[in-house]
Amino acid sequence: MPVIIEAILVSAGMLVMFGLAFLALFLLAITMMPIERGLSKMIWDATMPKKTAPPPQKGSFRDFSTKH
């Protein structure tokens, strides 16, 4: 077999292997996405500060005048 054909076949084989590895990682990432999203939400919920009571609303001038 001529050297040029062998080099072309080896290069094509390496490109196919790279494509298959990329496809495998891509499919793995798509499969793991719901798990990652759930873990991320759980971590964000655990690290967020607890919600406190809202501050008291400021009264208007009209409210002040009716009280006094």
N, C-alpha and C. Protein backbone atom coordinates (compact mmCIF):
# COMPACT_ATOMS: atom_id res chain seq x y z
N MET A 1 0.85 -1.16 0.00
CA MET A 1 0.00 0.00 0.00
C MET A 1 0.91 1.24 0.00
N PRO A 2 0.60 2.18 -0.88
CA PRO A 2 1.43 3.39 -0.92
C PRO A 2 1.34 4.18 0.39
N VAL A 3 2.40 4.89 0.67
CA VAL A 3 2.50 5.62 1.93
C VAL A 3 1.44 6.72 2.02
N ILE A 4 1.14 7.37 0.92
CA ILE A 4 0.16 8.47 0.95
C ILE A 4 -1.24 7.97 1.29
N ILE A 5 -1.61 6.81 0.76
CA ILE A 5 -2.92 6.24 1.06
C ILE A 5 -2.98 5.81 2.53
N GLU A 6 -1.89 5.25 3.01
CA GLU A 6 -1.85 4.84 4.40
C GLU A 6 -1.95 6.06 5.33
N ALA A 7 -1.28 7.15 4.98
CA ALA A 7 -1.36 8.38 5.79
C ALA A 7 -2.78 8.95 5.77
N ILE A 8 -3.43 8.90 4.62
CA ILE A 8 -4.80 9.40 4.52
C ILE A 8 -5.74 8.54 5.37
N LEU A 9 -5.57 7.22 5.31
CA LEU A 9 -6.42 6.32 6.09
C LEU A 9 -6.20 6.52 7.60
N VAL A 10 -4.95 6.69 8.00
CA VAL A 10 -4.66 6.90 9.43
C VAL A 10 -5.25 8.23 9.88
N SER A 11 -5.11 9.27 9.08
CA SER A 11 -5.67 10.58 9.43
C SER A 11 -7.19 10.52 9.51
N ALA A 12 -7.81 9.85 8.54
CA ALA A 12 -9.26 9.72 8.55
C ALA A 12 -9.71 8.91 9.77
N GLY A 13 -8.98 7.88 10.10
CA GLY A 13 -9.31 7.08 11.29
C GLY A 13 -9.22 7.90 12.57
N MET A 14 -8.18 8.73 12.67
CA MET A 14 -8.05 9.57 13.85
C MET A 14 -9.17 10.61 13.92
N LEU A 15 -9.57 11.16 12.78
CA LEU A 15 -10.69 12.10 12.77
C LEU A 15 -11.99 11.42 13.19
N VAL A 16 -12.20 10.20 12.72
CA VAL A 16 -13.41 9.46 13.11
C VAL A 16 -13.39 9.16 14.60
N MET A 17 -12.24 8.76 15.13
CA MET A 17 -12.15 8.48 16.57
C MET A 17 -12.39 9.75 17.39
N PHE A 18 -11.85 10.87 16.94
CA PHE A 18 -12.08 12.14 17.63
C PHE A 18 -13.56 12.49 17.61
N GLY A 19 -14.20 12.31 16.45
CA GLY A 19 -15.64 12.59 16.34
C GLY A 19 -16.46 11.70 17.24
N LEU A 20 -16.12 10.43 17.32
CA LEU A 20 -16.86 9.51 18.19
C LEU A 20 -16.66 9.84 19.66
N ALA A 21 -15.44 10.23 20.05
CA ALA A 21 -15.20 10.62 21.44
C ALA A 21 -15.98 11.88 21.78
N PHE A 22 -15.99 12.86 20.87
CA PHE A 22 -16.76 14.07 21.09
C PHE A 22 -18.25 13.75 21.21
N LEU A 23 -18.75 12.90 20.34
CA LEU A 23 -20.16 12.52 20.39
C LEU A 23 -20.50 11.81 21.70
N ALA A 24 -19.60 10.94 22.17
CA ALA A 24 -19.84 10.24 23.43
C ALA A 24 -19.89 11.22 24.60
N LEU A 25 -18.97 12.17 24.65
CA LEU A 25 -18.99 13.16 25.74
C LEU A 25 -20.21 14.06 25.64
N PHE A 26 -20.60 14.43 24.43
CA PHE A 26 -21.79 15.25 24.23
C PHE A 26 -23.05 14.52 24.72
N LEU A 27 -23.18 13.26 24.38
CA LEU A 27 -24.34 12.49 24.83
C LEU A 27 -24.32 12.29 26.34
N LEU A 28 -23.15 12.10 26.92
CA LEU A 28 -23.03 11.98 28.37
C LEU A 28 -23.45 13.28 29.05
N ALA A 29 -23.03 14.42 28.50
CA ALA A 29 -23.40 15.71 29.08
C ALA A 29 -24.90 15.94 28.99
N ILE A 30 -25.52 15.58 27.89
CA ILE A 30 -26.98 15.74 27.76
C ILE A 30 -27.69 14.83 28.75
N THR A 31 -27.18 13.62 28.94
CA THR A 31 -27.80 12.69 29.86
C THR A 31 -27.68 13.17 31.31
N MET A 32 -26.56 13.78 31.66
CA MET A 32 -26.33 14.21 33.04
C MET A 32 -26.92 15.58 33.35
N MET A 33 -27.44 16.28 32.36
CA MET A 33 -27.93 17.64 32.58
C MET A 33 -29.04 17.74 33.63
N PRO A 34 -30.06 16.88 33.67
CA PRO A 34 -31.08 17.01 34.71
C PRO A 34 -30.52 16.79 36.12
N ILE A 35 -29.56 15.88 36.26
CA ILE A 35 -28.96 15.64 37.57
C ILE A 35 -28.17 16.86 38.00
N GLU A 36 -27.41 17.45 37.08
CA GLU A 36 -26.61 18.63 37.40
C GLU A 36 -27.51 19.80 37.76
N ARG A 37 -28.61 19.95 37.05
CA ARG A 37 -29.53 21.05 37.33
C ARG A 37 -30.15 20.88 38.72
N GLY A 38 -30.51 19.66 39.08
CA GLY A 38 -31.08 19.42 40.41
C GLY A 38 -30.06 19.68 41.52
N LEU A 39 -28.82 19.21 41.32
CA LEU A 39 -27.78 19.46 42.32
C LEU A 39 -27.49 20.95 42.46
N SER A 40 -27.44 21.64 41.34
CA SER A 40 -27.16 23.07 41.37
C SER A 40 -28.26 23.82 42.11
N LYS A 41 -29.52 23.46 41.87
CA LYS A 41 -30.64 24.11 42.57
C LYS A 41 -30.57 23.82 44.06
N MET A 42 -30.23 22.59 44.42
CA MET A 42 -30.14 22.22 45.83
C MET A 42 -29.04 23.02 46.53
N ILE A 43 -27.90 23.19 45.86
CA ILE A 43 -26.79 23.94 46.46
C ILE A 43 -27.16 25.42 46.58
N TRP A 44 -27.79 25.99 45.55
CA TRP A 44 -28.19 27.40 45.63
C TRP A 44 -29.20 27.61 46.74
N ASP A 45 -30.15 26.70 46.89
CA ASP A 45 -31.15 26.84 47.95
C ASP A 45 -30.51 26.71 49.33
N ALA A 46 -29.48 25.88 49.46
CA ALA A 46 -28.84 25.68 50.76
C ALA A 46 -27.96 26.86 51.14
N THR A 47 -27.39 27.55 50.16
CA THR A 47 -26.47 28.64 50.48
C THR A 47 -27.14 30.00 50.52
N MET A 48 -28.37 30.12 50.07
CA MET A 48 -29.04 31.42 50.11
C MET A 48 -29.46 31.74 51.53
N PRO A 49 -29.37 33.00 51.94
CA PRO A 49 -29.81 33.35 53.29
C PRO A 49 -31.31 33.18 53.43
N LYS A 50 -31.73 32.89 54.65
CA LYS A 50 -33.15 32.69 54.90
C LYS A 50 -33.89 34.01 54.70
N LYS A 51 -35.10 33.92 54.22
CA LYS A 51 -35.89 35.13 53.99
C LYS A 51 -36.38 35.66 55.33
N THR A 52 -36.20 36.94 55.52
CA THR A 52 -36.66 37.57 56.75
C THR A 52 -37.97 38.30 56.48
N ALA A 53 -38.60 38.75 57.56
CA ALA A 53 -39.86 39.47 57.42
C ALA A 53 -39.59 40.79 56.69
N PRO A 54 -40.52 41.21 55.85
CA PRO A 54 -40.31 42.47 55.14
C PRO A 54 -40.32 43.64 56.13
N PRO A 55 -39.60 44.70 55.82
CA PRO A 55 -39.58 45.83 56.73
C PRO A 55 -40.96 46.47 56.84
N PRO A 56 -41.27 47.08 57.97
CA PRO A 56 -42.60 47.69 58.11
C PRO A 56 -42.77 48.81 57.09
N GLN A 57 -43.98 48.91 56.58
CA GLN A 57 -44.24 49.92 55.56
C GLN A 57 -44.31 51.29 56.21
N LYS A 58 -43.81 52.26 55.49
CA LYS A 58 -43.86 53.63 55.99
C LYS A 58 -45.27 54.17 55.81
N GLY A 59 -45.73 54.85 56.83
CA GLY A 59 -47.05 55.44 56.73
C GLY A 59 -47.00 56.75 55.98
N SER A 60 -48.12 57.15 55.48
CA SER A 60 -48.19 58.41 54.75
C SER A 60 -48.55 59.53 55.73
N PHE A 61 -48.53 60.74 55.26
CA PHE A 61 -48.88 61.90 56.07
C PHE A 61 -50.34 61.79 56.54
N ARG A 62 -51.18 61.25 55.67
CA ARG A 62 -52.59 61.11 56.00
C ARG A 62 -52.77 60.15 57.18
N ASP A 63 -52.01 59.04 57.18
CA ASP A 63 -52.09 58.09 58.30
C ASP A 63 -51.62 58.75 59.60
N PHE A 64 -50.57 59.56 59.52
CA PHE A 64 -50.07 60.23 60.71
C PHE A 64 -51.11 61.21 61.26
N SER A 65 -51.77 61.92 60.37
CA SER A 65 -52.72 62.92 60.83
C SER A 65 -53.97 62.28 61.43
N THR A 66 -54.33 61.09 60.96
CA THR A 66 -55.51 60.43 61.55
C THR A 66 -55.19 59.84 62.91
N LYS A 67 -53.94 59.47 63.16
CA LYS A 67 -53.57 58.90 64.46
C LYS A 67 -53.41 59.97 65.52
N HIS A 68 -53.00 61.18 65.15
CA HIS A 68 -52.69 62.22 66.14
C HIS A 68 -53.64 63.36 66.05
